[in-house]
């Protein structure tokens, strides 16, 4: 009788242990699945973040170049000769081969030919600073800006700003996934897999 009782007691303990181990295995399986998902999300975020070339320093440099280009353009326009015109509707007038009509104002930054049918031509030579040098500076700054935009894979500064915001959001999400992973698997995925294998 005592032996039968001990057998029943042993079976109860084994059943209890089995139930506990089954529950632990199920909980570890769920944690491992979540931890793997967190690791995959973290890796995805980091890969996407690293594919974006815009960094805060790169954006600052881009803004500086854009500012330099804008200043060069203002300097060129300031030194240009302004031609105001008010033409009769039938007046056949062209500036460098482009028809002019109506009323307006044109900035001339290089020697230009003003043609008036049946009257003749006028050559306008803008004065002021060295316009060739100012035009070269503007072209240089514009080319530098374009090169930086190409390097950053952005169409303009606003697009670069958007890319930087996306990069920062991906970095933040990667940190969140790292924290989530640490909570689910404090000793890493390998430690969680080993523990599960030992059950």
Protein backbone atom coordinates (compact mmCIF):
# COMPACT_ATOMS: atom_id res chain seq x y z
CA UNK A 1 0.00 0.00 0.00
CA UNK A 2 2.75 2.41 0.92
CA UNK A 3 4.55 1.63 -2.35
CA UNK A 4 1.40 2.40 -4.34
CA UNK A 5 1.03 5.70 -2.52
CA UNK A 6 4.60 6.62 -3.27
CA UNK A 7 4.09 5.67 -6.92
CA UNK A 8 0.99 7.89 -7.13
CA UNK A 9 2.85 10.68 -5.36
CA UNK A 10 5.81 10.32 -7.75
CA UNK A 11 3.47 10.40 -10.74
CA UNK A 12 1.76 13.52 -9.39
CA UNK A 13 5.13 15.20 -8.92
CA UNK A 14 6.22 14.16 -12.42
CA UNK A 15 2.93 15.40 -13.86
CA UNK A 16 3.31 18.68 -11.98
CA UNK A 17 6.89 19.02 -13.19
CA UNK A 18 5.84 18.20 -16.76
CA UNK A 19 3.07 20.80 -16.61
CA UNK A 20 5.49 23.39 -15.25
CA UNK A 21 8.14 22.56 -17.90
CA UNK A 22 5.55 22.63 -20.68
CA UNK A 23 4.35 26.05 -19.53
CA UNK A 24 7.95 27.29 -19.25
CA UNK A 25 8.77 25.96 -22.73
CA UNK A 26 5.69 27.64 -24.17
CA UNK A 27 6.62 30.95 -22.49
CA UNK A 28 10.24 30.65 -23.70
CA UNK A 29 9.06 29.84 -27.25
CA UNK A 30 6.92 32.99 -27.25
CA UNK A 31 9.79 35.11 -25.85
CA UNK A 32 12.22 33.68 -28.40
CA UNK A 33 9.77 34.46 -31.22
CA UNK A 34 9.36 38.05 -29.94
CA UNK A 35 13.11 38.42 -29.42
CA UNK A 36 13.84 37.25 -32.97
CA UNK A 37 11.24 39.70 -34.31
CA UNK A 38 12.83 42.51 -32.28
CA UNK A 39 16.29 41.58 -33.58
CA UNK A 40 15.02 41.47 -37.17
CA UNK A 41 13.31 44.86 -36.74
CA UNK A 42 16.47 46.33 -35.19
CA UNK A 43 18.62 45.05 -38.08
CA UNK A 44 16.10 46.36 -40.64
CA UNK A 45 16.09 49.82 -39.00
CA UNK A 46 19.89 49.96 -38.86
CA UNK A 47 20.23 48.88 -42.50
CA UNK A 48 17.68 51.47 -43.65
CA UNK A 49 19.30 54.14 -41.45
CA UNK A 50 22.76 53.37 -42.83
CA UNK A 51 21.45 53.57 -46.41
CA UNK A 52 20.53 57.23 -45.80
CA UNK A 53 23.62 59.35 -46.36
CA UNK A 54 22.29 62.54 -44.77
CA UNK A 55 23.80 63.23 -41.35
CA UNK A 56 23.44 66.40 -39.27
CA UNK A 57 26.94 67.51 -40.35
CA UNK A 58 26.20 66.78 -44.01
CA UNK A 59 22.96 68.77 -43.82
CA UNK A 60 24.77 71.71 -42.19
CA UNK A 61 27.39 71.61 -44.97
CA UNK A 62 24.62 71.49 -47.60
CA UNK A 63 22.86 74.49 -46.06
CA UNK A 64 26.17 76.40 -46.03
CA UNK A 65 26.77 75.69 -49.72
CA UNK A 66 23.19 76.66 -50.55
CA UNK A 67 23.65 79.92 -48.63
CA UNK A 68 26.90 80.62 -50.49
CA UNK A 69 25.12 80.02 -53.82
CA UNK A 70 22.30 82.39 -52.83
CA UNK A 71 24.81 85.08 -51.81
CA UNK A 72 26.67 84.70 -55.11
CA UNK A 73 23.39 85.06 -56.98
CA UNK A 74 22.50 88.22 -55.04
CA UNK A 75 25.97 89.69 -55.69
CA UNK A 76 25.62 88.99 -59.41
CA UNK A 77 22.13 90.50 -59.56
CA UNK A 78 23.28 93.53 -57.60
CA UNK A 79 26.12 94.16 -60.03
CA UNK A 80 23.95 93.52 -63.11
CA UNK A 81 22.54 96.26 -65.33
CA UNK A 82 18.79 96.52 -65.14
CA UNK A 83 16.91 97.27 -68.35
CA UNK A 84 13.37 98.52 -67.81
CA UNK A 85 11.09 98.42 -70.83
CA UNK A 86 7.61 99.45 -71.87
CA UNK A 87 6.97 98.33 -75.43
CA UNK A 88 4.10 98.87 -77.81
CA UNK A 89 2.26 95.62 -78.62
CA UNK A 90 3.50 95.62 -82.20
CA UNK A 91 7.12 96.49 -81.36
CA UNK A 92 9.43 93.70 -82.63
CA UNK A 93 12.20 93.79 -80.03
CA UNK A 94 14.51 90.91 -79.00
CA UNK A 95 17.18 90.62 -76.31
CA UNK A 96 19.77 88.00 -77.21
CA UNK A 97 17.31 86.47 -79.66
CA UNK A 98 14.47 86.24 -77.13
CA UNK A 99 11.41 88.34 -77.97
CA UNK A 100 10.50 91.07 -75.48
CA UNK A 101 6.99 92.37 -75.11
CA UNK A 102 4.83 94.42 -72.79
CA UNK A 103 6.27 96.03 -69.72
CA UNK A 104 8.91 94.72 -67.35
CA UNK A 105 12.45 94.67 -66.17
CA UNK A 106 15.40 92.47 -67.14
CA UNK A 107 18.71 92.03 -65.34
CA UNK A 108 21.62 91.86 -67.77
CA UNK A 109 24.67 90.10 -66.31
CA UNK A 110 26.67 89.69 -69.50
CA UNK A 111 27.08 91.52 -72.79
CA UNK A 112 23.73 91.28 -74.55
CA UNK A 113 22.40 92.27 -77.94
CA UNK A 114 19.17 94.31 -78.05
CA UNK A 115 17.62 94.07 -81.52
CA UNK A 116 14.90 96.42 -82.77
CA UNK A 117 13.50 95.54 -86.18
CA UNK A 118 14.01 98.22 -88.83
CA UNK A 119 16.01 100.30 -86.37
CA UNK A 120 19.16 98.32 -85.55
CA UNK A 121 20.96 96.67 -82.63
CA UNK A 122 22.34 97.88 -79.34
CA UNK A 123 24.99 96.02 -77.38
CA UNK A 124 24.55 96.32 -73.63
CA UNK A 125 27.76 95.96 -71.62
CA UNK A 126 26.88 95.70 -67.93
CA UNK A 127 29.14 97.70 -65.64
CA UNK A 128 29.81 97.32 -61.96
CA UNK A 129 32.01 94.61 -60.51
CA UNK A 130 33.75 91.93 -62.50
CA UNK A 131 30.62 90.13 -63.71
CA UNK A 132 32.56 87.25 -65.23
CA UNK A 133 34.11 86.49 -61.84
CA UNK A 134 30.72 86.80 -60.10
CA UNK A 135 29.07 84.55 -62.69
CA UNK A 136 31.89 81.99 -62.29
CA UNK A 137 31.45 82.06 -58.50
CA UNK A 138 27.71 81.51 -58.88
CA UNK A 139 28.27 78.59 -61.25
CA UNK A 140 30.88 77.12 -58.92
CA UNK A 141 28.57 77.33 -55.88
CA UNK A 142 25.64 75.97 -57.90
CA UNK A 143 27.77 73.01 -59.07
CA UNK A 144 29.03 72.34 -55.53
CA UNK A 145 25.43 72.40 -54.29
CA UNK A 146 24.35 70.00 -57.03
CA UNK A 147 27.27 67.66 -56.26
CA UNK A 148 26.38 67.61 -52.55
CA UNK A 149 22.74 66.88 -53.35
CA UNK A 150 23.79 63.97 -55.58
CA UNK A 151 26.11 62.65 -52.82
CA UNK A 152 23.22 62.77 -50.35
CA UNK A 153 20.74 61.31 -52.85
CA UNK A 154 18.42 64.29 -52.38
CA UNK A 155 16.69 66.59 -54.88
CA UNK A 156 17.01 69.68 -52.71
CA UNK A 157 17.66 70.82 -49.14
CA UNK A 158 14.08 70.11 -48.05
CA UNK A 159 14.43 66.52 -49.29
CA UNK A 160 17.74 66.20 -47.41
CA UNK A 161 16.04 67.47 -44.24
CA UNK A 162 13.29 64.88 -44.71
CA UNK A 163 15.90 62.14 -45.17
CA UNK A 164 17.69 63.22 -41.98
CA UNK A 165 14.39 63.10 -40.07
CA UNK A 166 13.78 59.60 -41.44
CA UNK A 167 17.32 58.55 -40.46
CA UNK A 168 16.82 59.85 -36.92
CA UNK A 169 13.43 58.09 -36.62
CA UNK A 170 14.99 54.81 -37.79
CA UNK A 171 17.82 55.22 -35.29
CA UNK A 172 15.30 55.82 -32.51
CA UNK A 173 13.27 52.77 -33.53
CA UNK A 174 16.46 50.65 -33.60
CA UNK A 175 17.23 51.76 -30.02
CA UNK A 176 13.68 50.83 -28.96
CA UNK A 177 14.07 47.38 -30.54
CA UNK A 178 17.43 46.95 -28.78
CA UNK A 179 15.79 47.78 -25.45
CA UNK A 180 12.93 45.39 -26.22
CA UNK A 181 15.42 42.66 -27.12
CA UNK A 182 17.32 43.25 -23.85
CA UNK A 183 14.08 42.85 -21.91
CA UNK A 184 13.13 39.63 -23.70
CA UNK A 185 16.60 38.09 -23.82
CA UNK A 186 18.93 39.72 -21.26
CA UNK A 187 21.71 37.26 -22.17
CA UNK A 188 21.09 37.58 -25.92
CA UNK A 189 19.29 35.33 -28.36
CA UNK A 190 21.90 32.61 -27.91
CA UNK A 191 21.29 32.48 -24.15
CA UNK A 192 17.54 32.23 -24.67
CA UNK A 193 17.98 29.49 -27.29
CA UNK A 194 20.28 27.51 -24.96
CA UNK A 195 17.82 27.78 -22.09
CA UNK A 196 14.99 26.58 -24.33
CA UNK A 197 17.10 23.67 -25.62
CA UNK A 198 17.87 22.57 -22.05
CA UNK A 199 14.17 22.03 -21.23
